[in-house]
Amino acid sequence: MTVTVPDVIVRYYQLTGEPDIDALVSCFTDDASVMLAGSQAQVAVNEAADDAGRSDEVLAYGQIVCTLTSRHEVTTVAFLRDGAPLGVPRADGSLAVQPLTRADYAPLISRR
């Protein structure tokens, strides 16, 4: 299964009605894609977006991880560039190259 990252985010927001699609999608190029390898979603990011390094970038990565792991068949999410692990920000500000889970962004998630 291969879909683009913007497609995943747009579909999530269509289902949930949550706002701010553009802020999340803008953190990636249009050619980013998601593949499922076992229970791991692998997000391939081919090149950084022009505005990468934004202060809300951690929110975008967290939203992608939480969205993908909300599917029953996905337990972890790995971000890759040219097939190699990509360091992405976690909620605590550290960079992670290992696969991520919803727990990595728990401090950013509020209960409704």
PDB file of N, CA and C in Angstrom:
ATOM      1  N   MET A   1       0.846  -1.167   0.000  1.00  0.00           N
ATOM      2  CA  MET A   1       0.000   0.000   0.000  1.00  0.00           C
ATOM      3  C   MET A   1       0.895   1.234   0.000  1.00  0.00           C
ATOM      4  N   THR A   2       0.728   2.111  -0.964  1.00  0.00           N
ATOM      5  CA  THR A   2       1.468   3.357  -1.017  1.00  0.00           C
ATOM      6  C   THR A   2       0.491   4.499  -1.250  1.00  0.00           C
ATOM      7  N   VAL A   3       0.542   5.484  -0.383  1.00  0.00           N
ATOM      8  CA  VAL A   3      -0.256   6.699  -0.526  1.00  0.00           C
ATOM      9  C   VAL A   3       0.650   7.869  -0.181  1.00  0.00           C
ATOM     10  N   THR A   4       0.263   9.063  -0.576  1.00  0.00           N
ATOM     11  CA  THR A   4       1.076  10.221  -0.231  1.00  0.00           C
ATOM     12  C   THR A   4       0.737  10.687   1.177  1.00  0.00           C
ATOM     13  N   VAL A   5       1.701  11.310   1.835  1.00  0.00           N
ATOM     14  CA  VAL A   5       1.476  11.847   3.176  1.00  0.00           C
ATOM     15  C   VAL A   5       0.336  12.867   3.156  1.00  0.00           C
ATOM     16  N   PRO A   6       0.321  13.815   2.222  1.00  0.00           N
ATOM     17  CA  PRO A   6      -0.817  14.741   2.206  1.00  0.00           C
ATOM     18  C   PRO A   6      -2.161  14.022   2.073  1.00  0.00           C
ATOM     19  N   ASP A   7      -2.226  12.942   1.298  1.00  0.00           N
ATOM     20  CA  ASP A   7      -3.480  12.187   1.167  1.00  0.00           C
ATOM     21  C   ASP A   7      -3.923  11.617   2.503  1.00  0.00           C
ATOM     22  N   VAL A   8      -2.971  11.083   3.280  1.00  0.00           N
ATOM     23  CA  VAL A   8      -3.295  10.518   4.596  1.00  0.00           C
ATOM     24  C   VAL A   8      -3.857  11.606   5.498  1.00  0.00           C
ATOM     25  N   ILE A   9      -3.203  12.743   5.519  1.00  0.00           N
ATOM     26  CA  ILE A   9      -3.632  13.829   6.401  1.00  0.00           C
ATOM     27  C   ILE A   9      -4.986  14.378   5.955  1.00  0.00           C
ATOM     28  N   VAL A  10      -5.154  14.607   4.677  1.00  0.00           N
ATOM     29  CA  VAL A  10      -6.428  15.132   4.173  1.00  0.00           C
ATOM     30  C   VAL A  10      -7.562  14.170   4.490  1.00  0.00           C
ATOM     31  N   ARG A  11      -7.348  12.883   4.283  1.00  0.00           N
ATOM     32  CA  ARG A  11      -8.390  11.891   4.570  1.00  0.00           C
ATOM     33  C   ARG A  11      -8.732  11.890   6.061  1.00  0.00           C
ATOM     34  N   TYR A  12      -7.721  11.979   6.909  1.00  0.00           N
ATOM     35  CA  TYR A  12      -7.961  12.031   8.355  1.00  0.00           C
ATOM     36  C   TYR A  12      -8.849  13.226   8.699  1.00  0.00           C
ATOM     37  N   TYR A  13      -8.515  14.373   8.164  1.00  0.00           N
ATOM     38  CA  TYR A  13      -9.284  15.566   8.482  1.00  0.00           C
ATOM     39  C   TYR A  13     -10.671  15.545   7.869  1.00  0.00           C
ATOM     40  N   GLN A  14     -10.830  14.880   6.742  1.00  0.00           N
ATOM     41  CA  GLN A  14     -12.166  14.720   6.188  1.00  0.00           C
ATOM     42  C   GLN A  14     -13.030  13.889   7.133  1.00  0.00           C
ATOM     43  N   LEU A  15     -12.428  12.884   7.749  1.00  0.00           N
ATOM     44  CA  LEU A  15     -13.168  12.011   8.664  1.00  0.00           C
ATOM     45  C   LEU A  15     -13.426  12.654  10.015  1.00  0.00           C
ATOM     46  N   THR A  16     -12.473  13.453  10.503  1.00  0.00           N
ATOM     47  CA  THR A  16     -12.587  13.993  11.859  1.00  0.00           C
ATOM     48  C   THR A  16     -13.075  15.437  11.911  1.00  0.00           C
ATOM     49  N   GLY A  17     -12.924  16.169  10.832  1.00  0.00           N
ATOM     50  CA  GLY A  17     -13.319  17.569  10.828  1.00  0.00           C
ATOM     51  C   GLY A  17     -12.329  18.485  11.521  1.00  0.00           C
ATOM     52  N   GLU A  18     -11.151  17.966  11.871  1.00  0.00           N
ATOM     53  CA  GLU A  18     -10.130  18.793  12.530  1.00  0.00           C
ATOM     54  C   GLU A  18      -9.602  19.837  11.529  1.00  0.00           C
ATOM     55  N   PRO A  19      -9.225  21.030  11.995  1.00  0.00           N
ATOM     56  CA  PRO A  19      -8.743  22.099  11.114  1.00  0.00           C
ATOM     57  C   PRO A  19      -7.234  22.027  10.830  1.00  0.00           C
ATOM     58  N   ASP A  20      -6.767  22.972  10.037  1.00  0.00           N
ATOM     59  CA  ASP A  20      -5.347  23.247   9.798  1.00  0.00           C
ATOM     60  C   ASP A  20      -4.614  22.184   8.974  1.00  0.00           C
ATOM     61  N   ILE A  21      -5.252  21.718   7.916  1.00  0.00           N
ATOM     62  CA  ILE A  21      -4.624  20.750   7.020  1.00  0.00           C
ATOM     63  C   ILE A  21      -3.367  21.341   6.393  1.00  0.00           C
ATOM     64  N   ASP A  22      -3.445  22.574   5.932  1.00  0.00           N
ATOM     65  CA  ASP A  22      -2.316  23.178   5.220  1.00  0.00           C
ATOM     66  C   ASP A  22      -1.052  23.234   6.053  1.00  0.00           C
ATOM     67  N   ALA A  23      -1.165  23.521   7.351  1.00  0.00           N
ATOM     68  CA  ALA A  23       0.013  23.605   8.203  1.00  0.00           C
ATOM     69  C   ALA A  23       0.728  22.267   8.287  1.00  0.00           C
ATOM     70  N   LEU A  24      -0.025  21.188   8.338  1.00  0.00           N
ATOM     71  CA  LEU A  24       0.585  19.872   8.429  1.00  0.00           C
ATOM     72  C   LEU A  24       1.176  19.433   7.101  1.00  0.00           C
ATOM     73  N   VAL A  25       0.433  19.605   6.031  1.00  0.00           N
ATOM     74  CA  VAL A  25       0.894  19.168   4.715  1.00  0.00           C
ATOM     75  C   VAL A  25       2.120  19.951   4.279  1.00  0.00           C
ATOM     76  N   SER A  26       2.222  21.215   4.672  1.00  0.00           N
ATOM     77  CA  SER A  26       3.328  22.056   4.217  1.00  0.00           C
ATOM     78  C   SER A  26       4.682  21.609   4.762  1.00  0.00           C
ATOM     79  N   CYS A  27       4.696  20.739   5.756  1.00  0.00           N
ATOM     80  CA  CYS A  27       5.967  20.252   6.304  1.00  0.00           C
ATOM     81  C   CYS A  27       6.619  19.213   5.398  1.00  0.00           C
ATOM     82  N   PHE A  28       5.933  18.774   4.369  1.00  0.00           N
ATOM     83  CA  PHE A  28       6.450  17.745   3.479  1.00  0.00           C
ATOM     84  C   PHE A  28       6.276  18.155   2.031  1.00  0.00           C
ATOM     85  N   THR A  29       7.094  17.581   1.170  1.00  0.00           N
ATOM     86  CA  THR A  29       6.910  17.781  -0.255  1.00  0.00           C
ATOM     87  C   THR A  29       5.777  16.882  -0.722  1.00  0.00           C
ATOM     88  N   ASP A  30       5.238  17.171  -1.888  1.00  0.00           N
ATOM     89  CA  ASP A  30       4.132  16.368  -2.414  1.00  0.00           C
ATOM     90  C   ASP A  30       4.553  14.944  -2.738  1.00  0.00           C
ATOM     91  N   ASP A  31       5.847  14.709  -2.892  1.00  0.00           N
ATOM     92  CA  ASP A  31       6.268  13.364  -3.268  1.00  0.00           C
ATOM     93  C   ASP A  31       6.623  12.487  -2.070  1.00  0.00           C
ATOM     94  N   ALA A  32       6.265  12.920  -0.856  1.00  0.00           N
ATOM     95  CA  ALA A  32       6.408  12.044   0.308  1.00  0.00           C
ATOM     96  C   ALA A  32       5.373  10.937   0.177  1.00  0.00           C
ATOM     97  N   SER A  33       5.723   9.739   0.636  1.00  0.00           N
ATOM     98  CA  SER A  33       4.786   8.624   0.523  1.00  0.00           C
ATOM     99  C   SER A  33       4.845   7.746   1.760  1.00  0.00           C
ATOM    100  N   VAL A  34       3.791   6.955   1.947  1.00  0.00           N
ATOM    101  CA  VAL A  34       3.697   6.041   3.086  1.00  0.00           C
ATOM    102  C   VAL A  34       3.546   4.629   2.552  1.00  0.00           C
ATOM    103  N   MET A  35       4.380   3.717   3.065  1.00  0.00           N
ATOM    104  CA  MET A  35       4.266   2.304   2.730  1.00  0.00           C
ATOM    105  C   MET A  35       4.129   1.524   4.023  1.00  0.00           C
ATOM    106  N   LEU A  36       3.358   0.446   3.986  1.00  0.00           N
ATOM    107  CA  LEU A  36       3.188  -0.401   5.151  1.00  0.00           C
ATOM    108  C   LEU A  36       4.102  -1.605   5.010  1.00  0.00           C
ATOM    109  N   ALA A  37       4.991  -1.810   6.002  1.00  0.00           N
ATOM    110  CA  ALA A  37       5.903  -2.957   6.042  1.00  0.00           C
ATOM    111  C   ALA A  37       5.624  -3.702   7.341  1.00  0.00           C
ATOM    112  N   GLY A  38       4.827  -4.746   7.258  1.00  0.00           N
ATOM    113  CA  GLY A  38       4.382  -5.425   8.469  1.00  0.00           C
ATOM    114  C   GLY A  38       3.460  -4.498   9.226  1.00  0.00           C
ATOM    115  N   SER A  39       3.791  -4.207  10.480  1.00  0.00           N
ATOM    116  CA  SER A  39       2.975  -3.289  11.265  1.00  0.00           C
ATOM    117  C   SER A  39       3.615  -1.898  11.363  1.00  0.00           C
ATOM    118  N   GLN A  40       4.638  -1.655  10.548  1.00  0.00           N
ATOM    119  CA  GLN A  40       5.319  -0.358  10.558  1.00  0.00           C
ATOM    120  C   GLN A  40       4.964   0.453   9.314  1.00  0.00           C
ATOM    121  N   ALA A  41       4.500   1.677   9.531  1.00  0.00           N
ATOM    122  CA  ALA A  41       4.291   2.607   8.425  1.00  0.00           C
ATOM    123  C   ALA A  41       5.630   3.289   8.162  1.00  0.00           C
ATOM    124  N   GLN A  42       6.081   3.245   6.924  1.00  0.00           N
ATOM    125  CA  GLN A  42       7.340   3.884   6.555  1.00  0.00           C
ATOM    126  C   GLN A  42       7.023   5.094   5.682  1.00  0.00           C
ATOM    127  N   VAL A  43       7.363   6.274   6.204  1.00  0.00           N
ATOM    128  CA  VAL A  43       7.101   7.529   5.512  1.00  0.00           C
ATOM    129  C   VAL A  43       8.387   7.954   4.825  1.00  0.00           C
ATOM    130  N   ALA A  44       8.381   7.917   3.503  1.00  0.00           N
ATOM    131  CA  ALA A  44       9.553   8.317   2.725  1.00  0.00           C
ATOM    132  C   ALA A  44       9.422   9.789   2.358  1.00  0.00           C
ATOM    133  N   VAL A  45      10.373  10.579   2.830  1.00  0.00           N
ATOM    134  CA  VAL A  45      10.404  12.014   2.548  1.00  0.00           C
ATOM    135  C   VAL A  45      11.606  12.251   1.653  1.00  0.00           C
ATOM    136  N   ASN A  46      11.355  12.643   0.420  1.00  0.00           N
ATOM    137  CA  ASN A  46      12.440  12.728  -0.551  1.00  0.00           C
ATOM    138  C   ASN A  46      13.324  13.955  -0.391  1.00  0.00           C
ATOM    139  N   GLU A  47      12.755  15.069   0.005  1.00  0.00           N
ATOM    140  CA  GLU A  47      13.567  16.256   0.273  1.00  0.00           C
ATOM    141  C   GLU A  47      12.800  17.153   1.223  1.00  0.00           C
ATOM    142  N   ALA A  48      13.529  17.968   1.930  1.00  0.00           N
ATOM    143  CA  ALA A  48      12.891  18.851   2.906  1.00  0.00           C
ATOM    144  C   ALA A  48      12.066  19.911   2.200  1.00  0.00           C
ATOM    145  N   ALA A  49      10.967  20.305   2.822  1.00  0.00           N
ATOM    146  CA  ALA A  49      10.160  21.400   2.306  1.00  0.00           C
ATOM    147  C   ALA A  49      10.922  22.707   2.510  1.00  0.00           C
ATOM    148  N   ASP A  50      10.545  23.722   1.742  1.00  0.00           N
ATOM    149  CA  ASP A  50      11.228  25.009   1.839  1.00  0.00           C
ATOM    150  C   ASP A  50      11.160  25.609   3.239  1.00  0.00           C
ATOM    151  N   ASP A  51      10.060  25.345   3.951  1.00  0.00           N
ATOM    152  CA  ASP A  51       9.912  25.933   5.280  1.00  0.00           C
ATOM    153  C   ASP A  51      10.141  24.911   6.387  1.00  0.00           C
ATOM    154  N   ALA A  52      10.932  23.876   6.105  1.00  0.00           N
ATOM    155  CA  ALA A  52      11.246  22.878   7.132  1.00  0.00           C
ATOM    156  C   ALA A  52      11.959  23.564   8.283  1.00  0.00           C
ATOM    157  N   GLY A  53      11.798  23.054   9.468  1.00  0.00           N
ATOM    158  CA  GLY A  53      12.403  23.665  10.646  1.00  0.00           C
ATOM    159  C   GLY A  53      11.479  24.655  11.320  1.00  0.00           C
ATOM    160  N   ARG A  54      10.217  24.658  10.942  1.00  0.00           N
ATOM    161  CA  ARG A  54       9.242  25.555  11.565  1.00  0.00           C
ATOM    162  C   ARG A  54       9.062  25.178  13.025  1.00  0.00           C
ATOM    163  N   SER A  55       8.595  26.110  13.817  1.00  0.00           N
ATOM    164  CA  SER A  55       8.410  25.849  15.241  1.00  0.00           C
ATOM    165  C   SER A  55       7.302  24.828  15.499  1.00  0.00           C
ATOM    166  N   ASP A  56       6.371  24.656  14.569  1.00  0.00           N
ATOM    167  CA  ASP A  56       5.293  23.693  14.755  1.00  0.00           C
ATOM    168  C   ASP A  56       5.550  22.374  14.023  1.00  0.00           C
ATOM    169  N   GLU A  57       6.770  22.164  13.585  1.00  0.00           N
ATOM    170  CA  GLU A  57       7.107  20.937  12.863  1.00  0.00           C
ATOM    171  C   GLU A  57       6.856  19.696  13.714  1.00  0.00           C
ATOM    172  N   VAL A  58       7.150  19.766  15.005  1.00  0.00           N
ATOM    173  CA  VAL A  58       6.920  18.626  15.891  1.00  0.00           C
ATOM    174  C   VAL A  58       5.440  18.254  15.900  1.00  0.00           C
ATOM    175  N   LEU A  59       4.569  19.237  15.781  1.00  0.00           N
ATOM    176  CA  LEU A  59       3.131  18.956  15.737  1.00  0.00           C
ATOM    177  C   LEU A  59       2.755  18.195  14.476  1.00  0.00           C
ATOM    178  N   ALA A  60       3.390  18.543  13.369  1.00  0.00           N
ATOM    179  CA  ALA A  60       3.100  17.852  12.113  1.00  0.00           C
ATOM    180  C   ALA A  60       3.545  16.397  12.178  1.00  0.00           C
ATOM    181  N   TYR A  61       4.763  16.173  12.657  1.00  0.00           N
ATOM    182  CA  TYR A  61       5.240  14.788  12.784  1.00  0.00           C
ATOM    183  C   TYR A  61       4.366  14.018  13.778  1.00  0.00           C
ATOM    184  N   GLY A  62       4.029  14.649  14.891  1.00  0.00           N
ATOM    185  CA  GLY A  62       3.177  14.004  15.879  1.00  0.00           C
ATOM    186  C   GLY A  62       1.816  13.650  15.314  1.00  0.00           C
ATOM    187  N   GLN A  63       1.258  14.552  14.523  1.00  0.00           N
ATOM    188  CA  GLN A  63      -0.057  14.283  13.920  1.00  0.00           C
ATOM    189  C   GLN A  63       0.024  13.115  12.943  1.00  0.00           C
ATOM    190  N   ILE A  64       1.088  13.070  12.170  1.00  0.00           N
ATOM    191  CA  ILE A  64       1.245  11.962  11.219  1.00  0.00           C
ATOM    192  C   ILE A  64       1.401  10.644  11.963  1.00  0.00           C
ATOM    193  N   VAL A  65       2.235  10.632  12.998  1.00  0.00           N
ATOM    194  CA  VAL A  65       2.435   9.409  13.777  1.00  0.00           C
ATOM    195  C   VAL A  65       1.115   8.980  14.423  1.00  0.00           C
ATOM    196  N   CYS A  66       0.423   9.908  15.057  1.00  0.00           N
ATOM    197  CA  CYS A  66      -0.834   9.563  15.725  1.00  0.00           C
ATOM    198  C   CYS A  66      -1.909   9.139  14.736  1.00  0.00           C
ATOM    199  N   THR A  67      -1.950   9.776  13.588  1.00  0.00           N
ATOM    200  CA  THR A  67      -2.931   9.401  12.567  1.00  0.00           C
ATOM    201  C   THR A  67      -2.663   8.003  12.047  1.00  0.00           C
ATOM    202  N   LEU A  68      -1.416   7.732  11.710  1.00  0.00           N
ATOM    203  CA  LEU A  68      -1.086   6.422  11.150  1.00  0.00           C
ATOM    204  C   LEU A  68      -1.247   5.314  12.186  1.00  0.00           C
ATOM    205  N   THR A  69      -0.831   5.566  13.438  1.00  0.00           N
ATOM    206  CA  THR A  69      -0.936   4.517  14.458  1.00  0.00           C
ATOM    207  C   THR A  69      -2.358   4.351  14.978  1.00  0.00           C
ATOM    208  N   SER A  70      -3.260   5.226  14.578  1.00  0.00           N
ATOM    209  CA  SER A  70      -4.662   5.034  14.951  1.00  0.00           C
ATOM    210  C   SER A  70      -5.299   3.906  14.140  1.00  0.00           C
ATOM    211  N   ARG A  71      -4.629   3.515  13.069  1.00  0.00           N
ATOM    212  CA  ARG A  71      -5.088   2.371  12.274  1.00  0.00           C
ATOM    213  C   ARG A  71      -4.649   1.100  12.979  1.00  0.00           C
ATOM    214  N   HIS A  72      -5.513   0.113  13.051  1.00  0.00           N
ATOM    215  CA  HIS A  72      -5.218  -1.105  13.805  1.00  0.00           C
ATOM    216  C   HIS A  72      -4.007  -1.865  13.275  1.00  0.00           C
ATOM    217  N   GLU A  73      -3.675  -1.728  12.005  1.00  0.00           N
ATOM    218  CA  GLU A  73      -2.555  -2.480  11.440  1.00  0.00           C
ATOM    219  C   GLU A  73      -1.202  -1.779  11.586  1.00  0.00           C
ATOM    220  N   VAL A  74      -1.178  -0.573  12.148  1.00  0.00           N
ATOM    221  CA  VAL A  74       0.071   0.185  12.292  1.00  0.00           C
ATOM    222  C   VAL A  74       0.407   0.360  13.772  1.00  0.00           C
ATOM    223  N   THR A  75       1.612  -0.089  14.155  1.00  0.00           N
ATOM    224  CA  THR A  75       2.046   0.083  15.550  1.00  0.00           C
ATOM    225  C   THR A  75       3.175   1.098  15.681  1.00  0.00           C
ATOM    226  N   THR A  76       3.989   1.253  14.635  1.00  0.00           N
ATOM    227  CA  THR A  76       5.088   2.221  14.663  1.00  0.00           C
ATOM    228  C   THR A  76       5.172   2.941  13.322  1.00  0.00           C
ATOM    229  N   VAL A  77       5.845   4.092  13.346  1.00  0.00           N
ATOM    230  CA  VAL A  77       6.046   4.890  12.137  1.00  0.00           C
ATOM    231  C   VAL A  77       7.523   5.249  12.031  1.00  0.00           C
ATOM    232  N   ALA A  78       8.115   4.956  10.888  1.00  0.00           N
ATOM    233  CA  ALA A  78       9.510   5.319  10.623  1.00  0.00           C
ATOM    234  C   ALA A  78       9.539   6.349   9.496  1.00  0.00           C
ATOM    235  N   PHE A  79      10.368   7.364   9.651  1.00  0.00           N
ATOM    236  CA  PHE A  79      10.547   8.375   8.616  1.00  0.00           C
ATOM    237  C   PHE A  79      11.886   8.114   7.939  1.00  0.00           C
ATOM    238  N   LEU A  80      11.887   8.098   6.616  1.00  0.00           N
ATOM    239  CA  LEU A  80      13.084   7.765   5.836  1.00  0.00           C
ATOM    240  C   LEU A  80      13.362   8.819   4.782  1.00  0.00           C
ATOM    241  N   ARG A  81      14.635   9.030   4.505  1.00  0.00           N
ATOM    242  CA  ARG A  81      15.054   9.854   3.358  1.00  0.00           C
ATOM    243  C   ARG A  81      16.113   9.057   2.626  1.00  0.00           C
ATOM    244  N   ASP A  82      15.888   8.806   1.355  1.00  0.00           N
ATOM    245  CA  ASP A  82      16.793   7.987   0.539  1.00  0.00           C
ATOM    246  C   ASP A  82      17.035   6.624   1.182  1.00  0.00           C
ATOM    247  N   GLY A  83      16.005   6.073   1.815  1.00  0.00           N
ATOM    248  CA  GLY A  83      16.087   4.750   2.419  1.00  0.00           C
ATOM    249  C   GLY A  83      16.737   4.698   3.791  1.00  0.00           C
ATOM    250  N   ALA A  84      17.283   5.817   4.263  1.00  0.00           N
ATOM    251  CA  ALA A  84      17.952   5.857   5.573  1.00  0.00           C
ATOM    252  C   ALA A  84      17.032   6.534   6.596  1.00  0.00           C
ATOM    253  N   PRO A  85      17.134   6.129   7.861  1.00  0.00           N
ATOM    254  CA  PRO A  85      16.304   6.761   8.893  1.00  0.00           C
ATOM    255  C   PRO A  85      16.531   8.270   8.941  1.00  0.00           C
ATOM    256  N   LEU A  86      15.452   8.998   9.092  1.00  0.00           N
ATOM    257  CA  LEU A  86      15.477  10.454   9.152  1.00  0.00           C
ATOM    258  C   LEU A  86      15.203  10.876  10.588  1.00  0.00           C
ATOM    259  N   GLY A  87      16.026  11.735  11.141  1.00  0.00           N
ATOM    260  CA  GLY A  87      15.801  12.245  12.489  1.00  0.00           C
ATOM    261  C   GLY A  87      14.635  13.217  12.491  1.00  0.00           C
ATOM    262  N   VAL A  88      13.625  12.925  13.283  1.00  0.00           N
ATOM    263  CA  VAL A  88      12.459  13.800  13.380  1.00  0.00           C
ATOM    264  C   VAL A  88      12.242  14.175  14.840  1.00  0.00           C
ATOM    265  N   PRO A  89      11.678  15.357  15.079  1.00  0.00           N
ATOM    266  CA  PRO A  89      11.496  15.807  16.459  1.00  0.00           C
ATOM    267  C   PRO A  89      10.396  15.047  17.183  1.00  0.00           C
ATOM    268  N   ARG A  90      10.681  14.730  18.445  1.00  0.00           N
ATOM    269  CA  ARG A  90       9.678  14.142  19.339  1.00  0.00           C
ATOM    270  C   ARG A  90       9.139  15.252  20.226  1.00  0.00           C
ATOM    271  N   ALA A  91       8.127  14.946  21.002  1.00  0.00           N
ATOM    272  CA  ALA A  91       7.499  15.959  21.858  1.00  0.00           C
ATOM    273  C   ALA A  91       8.478  16.583  22.841  1.00  0.00           C
ATOM    274  N   ASP A  92       9.479  15.810  23.281  1.00  0.00           N
ATOM    275  CA  ASP A  92      10.435  16.338  24.256  1.00  0.00           C
ATOM    276  C   ASP A  92      11.557  17.153  23.616  1.00  0.00           C
ATOM    277  N   GLY A  93      11.491  17.333  22.294  1.00  0.00           N
ATOM    278  CA  GLY A  93      12.480  18.139  21.588  1.00  0.00           C
ATOM    279  C   GLY A  93      13.664  17.361  21.059  1.00  0.00           C
ATOM    280  N   SER A  94      13.803  16.112  21.462  1.00  0.00           N
ATOM    281  CA  SER A  94      14.911  15.290  20.957  1.00  0.00           C
ATOM    282  C   SER A  94      14.605  14.797  19.542  1.00  0.00           C
ATOM    283  N   LEU A  95      15.666  14.474  18.814  1.00  0.00           N
ATOM    284  CA  LEU A  95      15.499  13.901  17.481  1.00  0.00           C
ATOM    285  C   LEU A  95      15.551  12.386  17.584  1.00  0.00           C
ATOM    286  N   ALA A  96      14.625  11.731  16.924  1.00  0.00           N
ATOM    287  CA  ALA A  96      14.566  10.272  16.946  1.00  0.00           C
ATOM    288  C   ALA A  96      14.758   9.738  15.539  1.00  0.00           C
ATOM    289  N   VAL A  97      15.596   8.729  15.408  1.00  0.00           N
ATOM    290  CA  VAL A  97      15.751   8.042  14.119  1.00  0.00           C
ATOM    291  C   VAL A  97      15.089   6.666  14.174  1.00  0.00           C
ATOM    292  N   GLN A  98      14.742   6.212  15.374  1.00  0.00           N
ATOM    293  CA  GLN A  98      14.076   4.925  15.510  1.00  0.00           C
ATOM    294  C   GLN A  98      12.584   5.104  15.208  1.00  0.00           C
ATOM    295  N   PRO A  99      11.874   4.011  14.943  1.00  0.00           N
ATOM    296  CA  PRO A  99      10.430   4.109  14.708  1.00  0.00           C
ATOM    297  C   PRO A  99       9.718   4.741  15.901  1.00  0.00           C
ATOM    298  N   LEU A 100       8.708   5.515  15.605  1.00  0.00           N
ATOM    299  CA  LEU A 100       7.985   6.276  16.622  1.00  0.00           C
ATOM    300  C   LEU A 100       6.606   5.683  16.891  1.00  0.00           C
ATOM    301  N   THR A 101       6.088   5.985  18.062  1.00  0.00           N
ATOM    302  CA  THR A 101       4.742   5.571  18.439  1.00  0.00           C
ATOM    303  C   THR A 101       3.993   6.783  18.968  1.00  0.00           C
ATOM    304  N   ARG A 102       2.719   6.581  19.206  1.00  0.00           N
ATOM    305  CA  ARG A 102       1.880   7.623  19.790  1.00  0.00           C
ATOM    306  C   ARG A 102       2.468   8.113  21.124  1.00  0.00           C
ATOM    307  N   ALA A 103       3.095   7.238  21.881  1.00  0.00           N
ATOM    308  CA  ALA A 103       3.675   7.600  23.179  1.00  0.00           C
ATOM    309  C   ALA A 103       4.755   8.673  23.052  1.00  0.00           C
ATOM    310  N   ASP A 104       5.439   8.731  21.914  1.00  0.00           N
ATOM    311  CA  ASP A 104       6.473   9.751  21.711  1.00  0.00           C
ATOM    312  C   ASP A 104       5.889  11.156  21.675  1.00  0.00           C
ATOM    313  N   TYR A 105       4.586  11.266  21.448  1.00  0.00           N
ATOM    314  CA  TYR A 105       3.924  12.563  21.349  1.00  0.00           C
ATOM    315  C   TYR A 105       2.845  12.738  22.416  1.00  0.00           C
ATOM    316  N   ALA A 106       2.813  11.842  23.405  1.00  0.00           N
ATOM    317  CA  ALA A 106       1.782  11.893  24.448  1.00  0.00           C
ATOM    318  C   ALA A 106       1.681  13.247  25.146  1.00  0.00           C
ATOM    319  N   PRO A 107       2.792  13.944  25.433  1.00  0.00           N
ATOM    320  CA  PRO A 107       2.670  15.247  26.097  1.00  0.00           C
ATOM    321  C   PRO A 107       1.919  16.297  25.262  1.00  0.00           C
ATOM    322  N   LEU A 108       1.793  16.067  23.960  1.00  0.00           N
ATOM    323  CA  LEU A 108       1.117  17.021  23.093  1.00  0.00           C
ATOM    324  C   LEU A 108      -0.364  16.702  22.901  1.00  0.00           C
ATOM    325  N   ILE A 109      -0.776  15.541  23.398  1.00  0.00           N
ATOM    326  CA  ILE A 109      -2.154  15.079  23.170  1.00  0.00           C
ATOM    327  C   ILE A 109      -3.006  15.436  24.374  1.00  0.00           C
ATOM    328  N   SER A 110      -4.108  16.126  24.114  1.00  0.00           N
ATOM    329  CA  SER A 110      -5.021  16.474  25.205  1.00  0.00           C
ATOM    330  C   SER A 110      -6.244  15.562  25.137  1.00  0.00           C
ATOM    331  N   ARG A 111      -6.761  15.247  26.288  1.00  0.00           N
ATOM    332  CA  ARG A 111      -7.985  14.445  26.355  1.00  0.00           C
ATOM    333  C   ARG A 111      -9.169  15.374  26.099  1.00  0.00           C
ATOM    334  N   ARG A 112     -10.125  14.860  25.375  1.00  0.00           N
ATOM    335  CA  ARG A 112     -11.325  15.673  25.084  1.00  0.00           C
ATOM    336  C   ARG A 112     -12.379  15.414  26.098  1.00  0.00           C
TER     337      ARG A 112
END
